[in-house]
PDB file of N, CA and C in Angstrom:
ATOM      1  N   MET A   1     -83.849  11.380-175.073  1.00  0.00           N
ATOM      2  CA  MET A   1     -83.781   9.941-175.267  1.00  0.00           C
ATOM      3  C   MET A   1     -85.090   9.334-174.762  1.00  0.00           C
ATOM      4  N   PRO A   2     -85.769   8.529-175.581  1.00  0.00           N
ATOM      5  CA  PRO A   2     -87.065   7.964-175.175  1.00  0.00           C
ATOM      6  C   PRO A   2     -86.884   6.897-174.105  1.00  0.00           C
ATOM      7  N   LYS A   3     -87.893   6.821-173.248  1.00  0.00           N
ATOM      8  CA  LYS A   3     -87.872   5.808-172.202  1.00  0.00           C
ATOM      9  C   LYS A   3     -88.209   4.449-172.788  1.00  0.00           C
ATOM     10  N   VAL A   4     -87.580   3.437-172.280  1.00  0.00           N
ATOM     11  CA  VAL A   4     -87.824   2.072-172.731  1.00  0.00           C
ATOM     12  C   VAL A   4     -88.934   1.493-171.881  1.00  0.00           C
ATOM     13  N   SER A   5     -89.908   0.913-172.519  1.00  0.00           N
ATOM     14  CA  SER A   5     -91.027   0.326-171.805  1.00  0.00           C
ATOM     15  C   SER A   5     -90.595  -0.952-171.114  1.00  0.00           C
ATOM     16  N   THR A   6     -90.972  -1.069-169.867  1.00  0.00           N
ATOM     17  CA  THR A   6     -90.629  -2.279-169.111  1.00  0.00           C
ATOM     18  C   THR A   6     -91.815  -3.223-169.005  1.00  0.00           C
ATOM     19  N   LYS A   7     -92.929  -2.853-169.607  1.00  0.00           N
ATOM     20  CA  LYS A   7     -94.125  -3.695-169.520  1.00  0.00           C
ATOM     21  C   LYS A   7     -93.925  -5.030-170.212  1.00  0.00           C
ATOM     22  N   ASP A   8     -93.183  -5.023-171.314  1.00  0.00           N
ATOM     23  CA  ASP A   8     -92.978  -6.252-172.071  1.00  0.00           C
ATOM     24  C   ASP A   8     -91.858  -7.123-171.490  1.00  0.00           C
ATOM     25  N   SER A   9     -91.032  -6.531-170.635  1.00  0.00           N
ATOM     26  CA  SER A   9     -89.928  -7.306-170.098  1.00  0.00           C
ATOM     27  C   SER A   9     -90.463  -8.342-169.112  1.00  0.00           C
ATOM     28  N   LYS A  10     -89.795  -9.470-169.081  1.00  0.00           N
ATOM     29  CA  LYS A  10     -90.236 -10.581-168.245  1.00  0.00           C
ATOM     30  C   LYS A  10     -89.797 -10.361-166.808  1.00  0.00           C
ATOM     31  N   LYS A  11     -90.708 -10.512-165.893  1.00  0.00           N
ATOM     32  CA  LYS A  11     -90.403 -10.386-164.476  1.00  0.00           C
ATOM     33  C   LYS A  11     -90.415 -11.771-163.834  1.00  0.00           C
ATOM     34  N   SER A  12     -89.661 -11.904-162.782  1.00  0.00           N
ATOM     35  CA  SER A  12     -89.630 -13.163-162.055  1.00  0.00           C
ATOM     36  C   SER A  12     -90.928 -13.312-161.263  1.00  0.00           C
ATOM     37  N   THR A  13     -91.549 -14.443-161.398  1.00  0.00           N
ATOM     38  CA  THR A  13     -92.796 -14.689-160.682  1.00  0.00           C
ATOM     39  C   THR A  13     -92.683 -15.965-159.875  1.00  0.00           C
ATOM     40  N   ALA A  14     -93.710 -16.247-159.114  1.00  0.00           N
ATOM     41  CA  ALA A  14     -93.711 -17.458-158.289  1.00  0.00           C
ATOM     42  C   ALA A  14     -93.652 -18.706-159.158  1.00  0.00           C
ATOM     43  N   SER A  15     -94.297 -18.668-160.339  1.00  0.00           N
ATOM     44  CA  SER A  15     -94.276 -19.845-161.205  1.00  0.00           C
ATOM     45  C   SER A  15     -92.874 -20.091-161.758  1.00  0.00           C
ATOM     46  N   ASP A  16     -92.095 -19.007-161.972  1.00  0.00           N
ATOM     47  CA  ASP A  16     -90.716 -19.170-162.424  1.00  0.00           C
ATOM     48  C   ASP A  16     -89.873 -19.837-161.348  1.00  0.00           C
ATOM     49  N   ALA A  17     -90.131 -19.499-160.108  1.00  0.00           N
ATOM     50  CA  ALA A  17     -89.377 -20.085-159.011  1.00  0.00           C
ATOM     51  C   ALA A  17     -89.610 -21.587-158.932  1.00  0.00           C
ATOM     52  N   LYS A  18     -90.817 -22.025-159.258  1.00  0.00           N
ATOM     53  CA  LYS A  18     -91.121 -23.463-159.226  1.00  0.00           C
ATOM     54  C   LYS A  18     -90.370 -24.210-160.315  1.00  0.00           C
ATOM     55  N   LYS A  19     -90.075 -23.532-161.426  1.00  0.00           N
ATOM     56  CA  LYS A  19     -89.411 -24.176-162.555  1.00  0.00           C
ATOM     57  C   LYS A  19     -87.918 -24.366-162.314  1.00  0.00           C
ATOM     58  N   ARG A  20     -87.353 -23.624-161.380  1.00  0.00           N
ATOM     59  CA  ARG A  20     -85.925 -23.730-161.116  1.00  0.00           C
ATOM     60  C   ARG A  20     -85.585 -25.106-160.565  1.00  0.00           C
ATOM     61  N   THR A  21     -84.403 -25.555-160.902  1.00  0.00           N
ATOM     62  CA  THR A  21     -83.972 -26.843-160.372  1.00  0.00           C
ATOM     63  C   THR A  21     -83.534 -26.660-158.928  1.00  0.00           C
ATOM     64  N   LYS A  22     -83.788 -27.655-158.143  1.00  0.00           N
ATOM     65  CA  LYS A  22     -83.412 -27.622-156.735  1.00  0.00           C
ATOM     66  C   LYS A  22     -81.909 -27.838-156.614  1.00  0.00           C
ATOM     67  N   LYS A  23     -81.281 -27.149-155.662  1.00  0.00           N
ATOM     68  CA  LYS A  23     -79.861 -27.341-155.420  1.00  0.00           C
ATOM     69  C   LYS A  23     -79.658 -28.658-154.701  1.00  0.00           C
ATOM     70  N   ASP A  24     -78.612 -29.348-155.070  1.00  0.00           N
ATOM     71  CA  ASP A  24     -78.276 -30.607-154.425  1.00  0.00           C
ATOM     72  C   ASP A  24     -77.617 -30.312-153.075  1.00  0.00           C
ATOM     73  N   PRO A  25     -78.215 -30.773-151.989  1.00  0.00           N
ATOM     74  CA  PRO A  25     -77.622 -30.486-150.673  1.00  0.00           C
ATOM     75  C   PRO A  25     -76.283 -31.196-150.450  1.00  0.00           C
ATOM     76  N   ASN A  26     -75.965 -32.191-151.265  1.00  0.00           N
ATOM     77  CA  ASN A  26     -74.709 -32.928-151.124  1.00  0.00           C
ATOM     78  C   ASN A  26     -73.566 -32.304-151.912  1.00  0.00           C
ATOM     79  N   LYS A  27     -73.879 -31.304-152.742  1.00  0.00           N
ATOM     80  CA  LYS A  27     -72.850 -30.681-153.567  1.00  0.00           C
ATOM     81  C   LYS A  27     -71.846 -29.966-152.674  1.00  0.00           C
ATOM     82  N   PRO A  28     -70.545 -30.153-152.936  1.00  0.00           N
ATOM     83  CA  PRO A  28     -69.519 -29.529-152.090  1.00  0.00           C
ATOM     84  C   PRO A  28     -69.565 -28.001-152.164  1.00  0.00           C
ATOM     85  N   LYS A  29     -69.137 -27.361-151.095  1.00  0.00           N
ATOM     86  CA  LYS A  29     -69.070 -25.902-151.043  1.00  0.00           C
ATOM     87  C   LYS A  29     -67.929 -25.414-151.929  1.00  0.00           C
ATOM     88  N   ARG A  30     -68.104 -24.217-152.481  1.00  0.00           N
ATOM     89  CA  ARG A  30     -67.054 -23.606-153.284  1.00  0.00           C
ATOM     90  C   ARG A  30     -65.859 -23.238-152.411  1.00  0.00           C
ATOM     91  N   ALA A  31     -64.715 -23.091-153.062  1.00  0.00           N
ATOM     92  CA  ALA A  31     -63.521 -22.648-152.355  1.00  0.00           C
ATOM     93  C   ALA A  31     -63.631 -21.156-152.066  1.00  0.00           C
ATOM     94  N   LEU A  32     -63.133 -20.746-150.915  1.00  0.00           N
ATOM     95  CA  LEU A  32     -63.122 -19.330-150.564  1.00  0.00           C
ATOM     96  C   LEU A  32     -61.843 -18.686-151.094  1.00  0.00           C
ATOM     97  N   SER A  33     -61.950 -17.418-151.433  1.00  0.00           N
ATOM     98  CA  SER A  33     -60.781 -16.670-151.893  1.00  0.00           C
ATOM     99  C   SER A  33     -59.968 -16.191-150.693  1.00  0.00           C
ATOM    100  N   ALA A  34     -58.762 -15.714-150.977  1.00  0.00           N
ATOM    101  CA  ALA A  34     -57.910 -15.175-149.916  1.00  0.00           C
ATOM    102  C   ALA A  34     -58.616 -14.000-149.246  1.00  0.00           C
ATOM    103  N   TYR A  35     -59.286 -13.183-150.030  1.00  0.00           N
ATOM    104  CA  TYR A  35     -60.009 -12.031-149.482  1.00  0.00           C
ATOM    105  C   TYR A  35     -61.104 -12.483-148.519  1.00  0.00           C
ATOM    106  N   MET A  36     -61.809 -13.546-148.849  1.00  0.00           N
ATOM    107  CA  MET A  36     -62.883 -14.015-147.975  1.00  0.00           C
ATOM    108  C   MET A  36     -62.335 -14.552-146.647  1.00  0.00           C
ATOM    109  N   PHE A  37     -61.177 -15.187-146.676  1.00  0.00           N
ATOM    110  CA  PHE A  37     -60.550 -15.617-145.425  1.00  0.00           C
ATOM    111  C   PHE A  37     -60.141 -14.399-144.594  1.00  0.00           C
ATOM    112  N   PHE A  38     -59.631 -13.374-145.265  1.00  0.00           N
ATOM    113  CA  PHE A  38     -59.282 -12.124-144.587  1.00  0.00           C
ATOM    114  C   PHE A  38     -60.521 -11.507-143.941  1.00  0.00           C
ATOM    115  N   VAL A  39     -61.627 -11.477-144.674  1.00  0.00           N
ATOM    116  CA  VAL A  39     -62.872 -10.898-144.156  1.00  0.00           C
ATOM    117  C   VAL A  39     -63.338 -11.659-142.917  1.00  0.00           C
ATOM    118  N   GLN A  40     -63.239 -12.983-142.951  1.00  0.00           N
ATOM    119  CA  GLN A  40     -63.629 -13.776-141.780  1.00  0.00           C
ATOM    120  C   GLN A  40     -62.806 -13.380-140.552  1.00  0.00           C
ATOM    121  N   ASP A  41     -61.519 -13.122-140.752  1.00  0.00           N
ATOM    122  CA  ASP A  41     -60.645 -12.743-139.647  1.00  0.00           C
ATOM    123  C   ASP A  41     -60.911 -11.330-139.140  1.00  0.00           C
ATOM    124  N   TYR A  42     -61.105 -10.386-140.051  1.00  0.00           N
ATOM    125  CA  TYR A  42     -61.121  -8.978-139.698  1.00  0.00           C
ATOM    126  C   TYR A  42     -62.493  -8.366-139.449  1.00  0.00           C
ATOM    127  N   ARG A  43     -63.577  -8.990-139.876  1.00  0.00           N
ATOM    128  CA  ARG A  43     -64.898  -8.352-139.764  1.00  0.00           C
ATOM    129  C   ARG A  43     -65.209  -7.920-138.321  1.00  0.00           C
ATOM    130  N   GLU A  44     -64.987  -8.799-137.372  1.00  0.00           N
ATOM    131  CA  GLU A  44     -65.301  -8.468-135.975  1.00  0.00           C
ATOM    132  C   GLU A  44     -64.425  -7.328-135.459  1.00  0.00           C
ATOM    133  N   ARG A  45     -63.158  -7.295-135.862  1.00  0.00           N
ATOM    134  CA  ARG A  45     -62.259  -6.213-135.437  1.00  0.00           C
ATOM    135  C   ARG A  45     -62.751  -4.869-135.964  1.00  0.00           C
ATOM    136  N   ILE A  46     -63.116  -4.862-137.240  1.00  0.00           N
ATOM    137  CA  ILE A  46     -63.594  -3.626-137.870  1.00  0.00           C
ATOM    138  C   ILE A  46     -64.888  -3.175-137.201  1.00  0.00           C
ATOM    139  N   LYS A  47     -65.783  -4.113-136.921  1.00  0.00           N
ATOM    140  CA  LYS A  47     -67.045  -3.770-136.260  1.00  0.00           C
ATOM    141  C   LYS A  47     -66.806  -3.231-134.852  1.00  0.00           C
ATOM    142  N   ALA A  48     -65.834  -3.795-134.145  1.00  0.00           N
ATOM    143  CA  ALA A  48     -65.522  -3.329-132.795  1.00  0.00           C
ATOM    144  C   ALA A  48     -64.914  -1.924-132.823  1.00  0.00           C
ATOM    145  N   GLU A  49     -64.068  -1.652-133.812  1.00  0.00           N
ATOM    146  CA  GLU A  49     -63.435  -0.340-133.931  1.00  0.00           C
ATOM    147  C   GLU A  49     -64.424   0.723-134.413  1.00  0.00           C
ATOM    148  N   ASN A  50     -65.460   0.293-135.150  1.00  0.00           N
ATOM    149  CA  ASN A  50     -66.444   1.219-135.727  1.00  0.00           C
ATOM    150  C   ASN A  50     -67.856   0.722-135.422  1.00  0.00           C
ATOM    151  N   PRO A  51     -68.301   0.833-134.173  1.00  0.00           N
ATOM    152  CA  PRO A  51     -69.604   0.268-133.799  1.00  0.00           C
ATOM    153  C   PRO A  51     -70.793   0.910-134.527  1.00  0.00           C
ATOM    154  N   GLU A  52     -70.634   2.135-134.986  1.00  0.00           N
ATOM    155  CA  GLU A  52     -71.728   2.814-135.671  1.00  0.00           C
ATOM    156  C   GLU A  52     -71.785   2.473-137.168  1.00  0.00           C
ATOM    157  N   ALA A  53     -70.804   1.761-137.659  1.00  0.00           N
ATOM    158  CA  ALA A  53     -70.717   1.459-139.089  1.00  0.00           C
ATOM    159  C   ALA A  53     -71.806   0.473-139.508  1.00  0.00           C
ATOM    160  N   THR A  54     -72.393   0.728-140.677  1.00  0.00           N
ATOM    161  CA  THR A  54     -73.392  -0.177-141.232  1.00  0.00           C
ATOM    162  C   THR A  54     -72.681  -1.359-141.885  1.00  0.00           C
ATOM    163  N   PHE A  55     -73.468  -2.324-142.324  1.00  0.00           N
ATOM    164  CA  PHE A  55     -72.893  -3.501-142.992  1.00  0.00           C
ATOM    165  C   PHE A  55     -72.076  -3.072-144.211  1.00  0.00           C
ATOM    166  N   GLY A  56     -72.627  -2.153-144.991  1.00  0.00           N
ATOM    167  CA  GLY A  56     -71.927  -1.667-146.186  1.00  0.00           C
ATOM    168  C   GLY A  56     -70.654  -0.929-145.838  1.00  0.00           C
ATOM    169  N   ASP A  57     -70.703  -0.130-144.775  1.00  0.00           N
ATOM    170  CA  ASP A  57     -69.507   0.602-144.342  1.00  0.00           C
ATOM    171  C   ASP A  57     -68.412  -0.364-143.922  1.00  0.00           C
ATOM    172  N   VAL A  58     -68.792  -1.418-143.201  1.00  0.00           N
ATOM    173  CA  VAL A  58     -67.811  -2.416-142.767  1.00  0.00           C
ATOM    174  C   VAL A  58     -67.168  -3.060-143.998  1.00  0.00           C
ATOM    175  N   GLY A  59     -67.976  -3.369-145.004  1.00  0.00           N
ATOM    176  CA  GLY A  59     -67.437  -3.949-146.237  1.00  0.00           C
ATOM    177  C   GLY A  59     -66.450  -3.023-146.924  1.00  0.00           C
ATOM    178  N   LYS A  60     -66.770  -1.740-146.955  1.00  0.00           N
ATOM    179  CA  LYS A  60     -65.860  -0.764-147.569  1.00  0.00           C
ATOM    180  C   LYS A  60     -64.552  -0.685-146.796  1.00  0.00           C
ATOM    181  N   LEU A  61     -64.650  -0.657-145.476  1.00  0.00           N
ATOM    182  CA  LEU A  61     -63.441  -0.599-144.652  1.00  0.00           C
ATOM    183  C   LEU A  61     -62.583  -1.842-144.824  1.00  0.00           C
ATOM    184  N   LEU A  62     -63.234  -2.988-144.942  1.00  0.00           N
ATOM    185  CA  LEU A  62     -62.491  -4.235-145.174  1.00  0.00           C
ATOM    186  C   LEU A  62     -61.771  -4.186-146.515  1.00  0.00           C
ATOM    187  N   GLY A  63     -62.439  -3.673-147.537  1.00  0.00           N
ATOM    188  CA  GLY A  63     -61.819  -3.558-148.857  1.00  0.00           C
ATOM    189  C   GLY A  63     -60.618  -2.639-148.836  1.00  0.00           C
ATOM    190  N   ILE A  64     -60.751  -1.527-148.127  1.00  0.00           N
ATOM    191  CA  ILE A  64     -59.636  -0.581-148.017  1.00  0.00           C
ATOM    192  C   ILE A  64     -58.458  -1.237-147.310  1.00  0.00           C
ATOM    193  N   LYS A  65     -58.744  -1.919-146.204  1.00  0.00           N
ATOM    194  CA  LYS A  65     -57.688  -2.587-145.435  1.00  0.00           C
ATOM    195  C   LYS A  65     -56.982  -3.639-146.301  1.00  0.00           C
ATOM    196  N   TRP A  66     -57.745  -4.413-147.062  1.00  0.00           N
ATOM    197  CA  TRP A  66     -57.171  -5.458-147.920  1.00  0.00           C
ATOM    198  C   TRP A  66     -56.247  -4.844-148.970  1.00  0.00           C
ATOM    199  N   ARG A  67     -56.680  -3.751-149.579  1.00  0.00           N
ATOM    200  CA  ARG A  67     -55.861  -3.108-150.610  1.00  0.00           C
ATOM    201  C   ARG A  67     -54.584  -2.508-150.026  1.00  0.00           C
ATOM    202  N   GLU A  68     -54.628  -2.088-148.766  1.00  0.00           N
ATOM    203  CA  GLU A  68     -53.457  -1.489-148.135  1.00  0.00           C
ATOM    204  C   GLU A  68     -52.437  -2.526-147.684  1.00  0.00           C
ATOM    205  N   MET A  69     -52.846  -3.773-147.576  1.00  0.00           N
ATOM    206  CA  MET A  69     -51.938  -4.820-147.107  1.00  0.00           C
ATOM    207  C   MET A  69     -50.890  -5.140-148.164  1.00  0.00           C
ATOM    208  N   ASN A  70     -49.663  -5.448-147.704  1.00  0.00           N
ATOM    209  CA  ASN A  70     -48.623  -5.844-148.656  1.00  0.00           C
ATOM    210  C   ASN A  70     -48.685  -7.358-148.872  1.00  0.00           C
ATOM    211  N   GLU A  71     -47.857  -7.850-149.771  1.00  0.00           N
ATOM    212  CA  GLU A  71     -47.878  -9.273-150.138  1.00  0.00           C
ATOM    213  C   GLU A  71     -47.600 -10.186-148.945  1.00  0.00           C
ATOM    214  N   ASN A  72     -46.657  -9.789-148.078  1.00  0.00           N
ATOM    215  CA  ASN A  72     -46.327 -10.631-146.920  1.00  0.00           C
ATOM    216  C   ASN A  72     -47.502 -10.751-145.959  1.00  0.00           C
ATOM    217  N   GLU A  73     -48.269  -9.680-145.802  1.00  0.00           N
ATOM    218  CA  GLU A  73     -49.428  -9.723-144.918  1.00  0.00           C
ATOM    219  C   GLU A  73     -50.547 -10.579-145.503  1.00  0.00           C
ATOM    220  N   LYS A  74     -50.606 -10.655-146.823  1.00  0.00           N
ATOM    221  CA  LYS A  74     -51.661 -11.429-147.496  1.00  0.00           C
ATOM    222  C   LYS A  74     -51.317 -12.918-147.603  1.00  0.00           C
ATOM    223  N   LYS A  75     -50.038 -13.265-147.452  1.00  0.00           N
ATOM    224  CA  LYS A  75     -49.602 -14.659-147.658  1.00  0.00           C
ATOM    225  C   LYS A  75     -50.389 -15.691-146.869  1.00  0.00           C
ATOM    226  N   PRO A  76     -50.658 -15.487-145.568  1.00  0.00           N
ATOM    227  CA  PRO A  76     -51.402 -16.527-144.830  1.00  0.00           C
ATOM    228  C   PRO A  76     -52.794 -16.772-145.420  1.00  0.00           C
ATOM    229  N   TYR A  77     -53.430 -15.702-145.881  1.00  0.00           N
ATOM    230  CA  TYR A  77     -54.768 -15.832-146.464  1.00  0.00           C
ATOM    231  C   TYR A  77     -54.703 -16.510-147.823  1.00  0.00           C
ATOM    232  N   GLU A  78     -53.651 -16.228-148.583  1.00  0.00           N
ATOM    233  CA  GLU A  78     -53.482 -16.882-149.878  1.00  0.00           C
ATOM    234  C   GLU A  78     -53.183 -18.364-149.701  1.00  0.00           C
ATOM    235  N   ALA A  79     -52.439 -18.707-148.650  1.00  0.00           N
ATOM    236  CA  ALA A  79     -52.160 -20.119-148.369  1.00  0.00           C
ATOM    237  C   ALA A  79     -53.448 -20.850-147.993  1.00  0.00           C
ATOM    238  N   LYS A  80     -54.291 -20.205-147.180  1.00  0.00           N
ATOM    239  CA  LYS A  80     -55.576 -20.808-146.814  1.00  0.00           C
ATOM    240  C   LYS A  80     -56.443 -20.996-148.046  1.00  0.00           C
ATOM    241  N   ALA A  81     -56.421 -20.006-148.935  1.00  0.00           N
ATOM    242  CA  ALA A  81     -57.236 -20.078-150.153  1.00  0.00           C
ATOM    243  C   ALA A  81     -56.751 -21.216-151.050  1.00  0.00           C
ATOM    244  N   LYS A  82     -55.448 -21.376-151.152  1.00  0.00           N
ATOM    245  CA  LYS A  82     -54.896 -22.455-151.982  1.00  0.00           C
ATOM    246  C   LYS A  82     -55.299 -23.822-151.423  1.00  0.00           C
ATOM    247  N   ALA A  83     -55.198 -23.974-150.108  1.00  0.00           N
ATOM    248  CA  ALA A  83     -55.581 -25.239-149.470  1.00  0.00           C
ATOM    249  C   ALA A  83     -57.076 -25.493-149.652  1.00  0.00           C
ATOM    250  N   ASP A  84     -57.873 -24.440-149.535  1.00  0.00           N
ATOM    251  CA  ASP A  84     -59.322 -24.595-149.691  1.00  0.00           C
ATOM    252  C   ASP A  84     -59.678 -24.930-151.138  1.00  0.00           C
ATOM    253  N   LYS A  85     -58.935 -24.371-152.091  1.00  0.00           N
ATOM    254  CA  LYS A  85     -59.171 -24.685-153.508  1.00  0.00           C
ATOM    255  C   LYS A  85     -58.886 -26.159-153.778  1.00  0.00           C
ATOM    256  N   GLU A  86     -57.801 -26.665-153.194  1.00  0.00           N
ATOM    257  CA  GLU A  86     -57.470 -28.088-153.363  1.00  0.00           C
ATOM    258  C   GLU A  86     -58.567 -28.961-152.751  1.00  0.00           C
ATOM    259  N   ARG A  87     -59.061 -28.569-151.577  1.00  0.00           N
ATOM    260  CA  ARG A  87     -60.148 -29.307-150.930  1.00  0.00           C
ATOM    261  C   ARG A  87     -61.391 -29.310-151.809  1.00  0.00           C
ATOM    262  N   ALA A  88     -61.741 -28.146-152.323  1.00  0.00           N
ATOM    263  CA  ALA A  88     -62.950 -28.029-153.145  1.00  0.00           C
ATOM    264  C   ALA A  88     -62.815 -28.842-154.434  1.00  0.00           C
ATOM    265  N   ASP A  89     -61.654 -28.786-155.063  1.00  0.00           N
ATOM    266  CA  ASP A  89     -61.431 -29.561-156.291  1.00  0.00           C
ATOM    267  C   ASP A  89     -61.548 -31.060-156.019  1.00  0.00           C
ATOM    268  N   ARG A  90     -60.947 -31.497-154.906  1.00  0.00           N
ATOM    269  CA  ARG A  90     -60.980 -32.918-154.543  1.00  0.00           C
ATOM    270  C   ARG A  90     -62.426 -33.359-154.254  1.00  0.00           C
ATOM    271  N   GLU A  91     -63.143 -32.561-153.461  1.00  0.00           N
ATOM    272  CA  GLU A  91     -64.522 -32.915-153.118  1.00  0.00           C
ATOM    273  C   GLU A  91     -65.425 -32.875-154.349  1.00  0.00           C
ATOM    274  N   ASN A  92     -65.175 -31.921-155.240  1.00  0.00           N
ATOM    275  CA  ASN A  92     -65.983 -31.810-156.444  1.00  0.00           C
ATOM    276  C   ASN A  92     -65.739 -33.006-157.370  1.00  0.00           C
ATOM    277  N   ALA A  93     -64.491 -33.435-157.474  1.00  0.00           N
ATOM    278  CA  ALA A  93     -64.174 -34.601-158.298  1.00  0.00           C
ATOM    279  C   ALA A  93     -64.861 -35.846-157.736  1.00  0.00           C
ATOM    280  N   ASP A  94     -64.812 -36.011-156.411  1.00  0.00           N
ATOM    281  CA  ASP A  94     -65.477 -37.146-155.773  1.00  0.00           C
ATOM    282  C   ASP A  94     -66.985 -37.085-155.996  1.00  0.00           C
ATOM    283  N   TYR A  95     -67.539 -35.890-155.886  1.00  0.00           N
ATOM    284  CA  TYR A  95     -68.981 -35.687-156.069  1.00  0.00           C
ATOM    285  C   TYR A  95     -69.404 -36.052-157.491  1.00  0.00           C
ATOM    286  N   LYS A  96     -68.619 -35.592-158.471  1.00  0.00           N
ATOM    287  CA  LYS A  96     -68.951 -35.900-159.868  1.00  0.00           C
ATOM    288  C   LYS A  96     -68.801 -37.387-160.156  1.00  0.00           C
ATOM    289  N   ALA A  97     -67.756 -38.015-159.613  1.00  0.00           N
ATOM    290  CA  ALA A  97     -67.557 -39.448-159.813  1.00  0.00           C
ATOM    291  C   ALA A  97     -68.690 -40.234-159.171  1.00  0.00           C
ATOM    292  N   GLU A  98     -69.114 -39.804-158.017  1.00  0.00           N
ATOM    293  CA  GLU A  98     -70.211 -40.461-157.318  1.00  0.00           C
ATOM    294  C   GLU A  98     -71.507 -40.332-158.116  1.00  0.00           C
ATOM    295  N   GLY A  99     -71.721 -39.162-158.697  1.00  0.00           N
ATOM    296  CA  GLY A  99     -72.923 -38.924-159.494  1.00  0.00           C
ATOM    297  C   GLY A  99     -72.956 -39.791-160.741  1.00  0.00           C
ATOM    298  N   LYS A 100     -71.816 -39.929-161.413  1.00  0.00           N
ATOM    299  CA  LYS A 100     -71.747 -40.767-162.617  1.00  0.00           C
ATOM    300  C   LYS A 100     -71.985 -42.224-162.267  1.00  0.00           C
ATOM    301  N   ALA A 101     -71.429 -42.661-161.139  1.00  0.00           N
ATOM    302  CA  ALA A 101     -71.601 -44.047-160.722  1.00  0.00           C
ATOM    303  C   ALA A 101     -73.063 -44.338-160.405  1.00  0.00           C
ATOM    304  N   SER A 102     -73.731 -43.396-159.754  1.00  0.00           N
ATOM    305  CA  SER A 102     -75.134 -43.641-159.411  1.00  0.00           C
ATOM    306  C   SER A 102     -76.018 -43.592-160.652  1.00  0.00           C
ATOM    307  N   LYS A 103     -75.661 -42.753-161.637  1.00  0.00           N
ATOM    308  CA  LYS A 103     -76.435 -42.710-162.885  1.00  0.00           C
ATOM    309  C   LYS A 103     -76.286 -44.021-163.648  1.00  0.00           C
ATOM    310  N   LYS A 104     -75.060 -44.569-163.668  1.00  0.00           N
ATOM    311  CA  LYS A 104     -74.831 -45.840-164.344  1.00  0.00           C
ATOM    312  C   LYS A 104     -75.614 -46.954-163.654  1.00  0.00           C
ATOM    313  N   ALA A 105     -75.635 -46.933-162.335  1.00  0.00           N
ATOM    314  CA  ALA A 105     -76.367 -47.955-161.581  1.00  0.00           C
ATOM    315  C   ALA A 105     -77.862 -47.843-161.854  1.00  0.00           C
ATOM    316  N   ALA A 106     -78.367 -46.626-161.924  1.00  0.00           N
ATOM    317  CA  ALA A 106     -79.793 -46.419-162.194  1.00  0.00           C
ATOM    318  C   ALA A 106     -80.131 -46.885-163.605  1.00  0.00           C
ATOM    319  N   LYS A 107     -79.245 -46.610-164.546  1.00  0.00           N
ATOM    320  CA  LYS A 107     -79.473 -47.031-165.927  1.00  0.00           C
ATOM    321  C   LYS A 107     -79.443 -48.558-166.031  1.00  0.00           C
ATOM    322  N   ALA A 108     -78.535 -49.183-165.308  1.00  0.00           N
ATOM    323  CA  ALA A 108     -78.449 -50.642-165.305  1.00  0.00           C
ATOM    324  C   ALA A 108     -79.717 -51.231-164.699  1.00  0.00           C
ATOM    325  N   ASP A 109     -80.252 -50.627-163.665  1.00  0.00           N
ATOM    326  CA  ASP A 109     -81.499 -51.090-163.061  1.00  0.00           C
ATOM    327  C   ASP A 109     -82.656 -50.982-164.050  1.00  0.00           C
ATOM    328  N   GLU A 110     -82.700 -49.890-164.795  1.00  0.00           N
ATOM    329  CA  GLU A 110     -83.769 -49.701-165.780  1.00  0.00           C
ATOM    330  C   GLU A 110     -83.684 -50.757-166.877  1.00  0.00           C
ATOM    331  N   GLU A 111     -82.459 -51.054-167.332  1.00  0.00           N
ATOM    332  CA  GLU A 111     -82.278 -52.046-168.381  1.00  0.00           C
ATOM    333  C   GLU A 111     -82.674 -53.436-167.889  1.00  0.00           C
ATOM    334  N   SER A 112     -82.354 -53.753-166.650  1.00  0.00           N
ATOM    335  CA  SER A 112     -82.724 -55.061-166.126  1.00  0.00           C
ATOM    336  C   SER A 112     -84.241 -55.154-165.947  1.00  0.00           C
ATOM    337  N   ASP A 113     -84.898 -54.048-165.651  1.00  0.00           N
ATOM    338  CA  ASP A 113     -86.356 -54.033-165.540  1.00  0.00           C
ATOM    339  C   ASP A 113     -87.001 -54.236-166.911  1.00  0.00           C
ATOM    340  N   ASP A 114     -86.362 -53.696-167.948  1.00  0.00           N
ATOM    341  CA  ASP A 114     -86.893 -53.843-169.305  1.00  0.00           C
ATOM    342  C   ASP A 114     -86.833 -55.290-169.780  1.00  0.00           C
ATOM    343  N   ASP A 115     -85.838 -56.051-169.311  1.00  0.00           N
ATOM    344  CA  ASP A 115     -85.674 -57.431-169.732  1.00  0.00           C
ATOM    345  C   ASP A 115     -86.782 -58.319-169.169  1.00  0.00           C
ATOM    346  N   GLU A 116     -87.342 -57.940-168.045  1.00  0.00           N
ATOM    347  CA  GLU A 116     -88.340 -58.793-167.395  1.00  0.00           C
ATOM    348  C   GLU A 116     -89.673 -58.689-168.010  1.00  0.00           C
TER     349      GLU A 116
END
């Protein structure tokens, strides 16, 4: 099988980074999953039990532990995830409404400037 040339493929450069849009610091944080809440709780325990484990090893152990848990053990994390999803949805709706309101205000300002 012939090798594919990578010379023609586009690589990320410093000029590409400048073209990216800046993230809005006011944008709400995403909701965390039940697994991520579990990881927040268990990471330190796993690290304490396995001090020689690398970051990747800790992640693997966390994944194994999560898969071994039954539904009742996962319920508190799923409840936290549901509450966090509601928070994120509410904050995102407020953020979008705020953005539309400010765009309308800016457009109204531009129109009033045009009249003068």
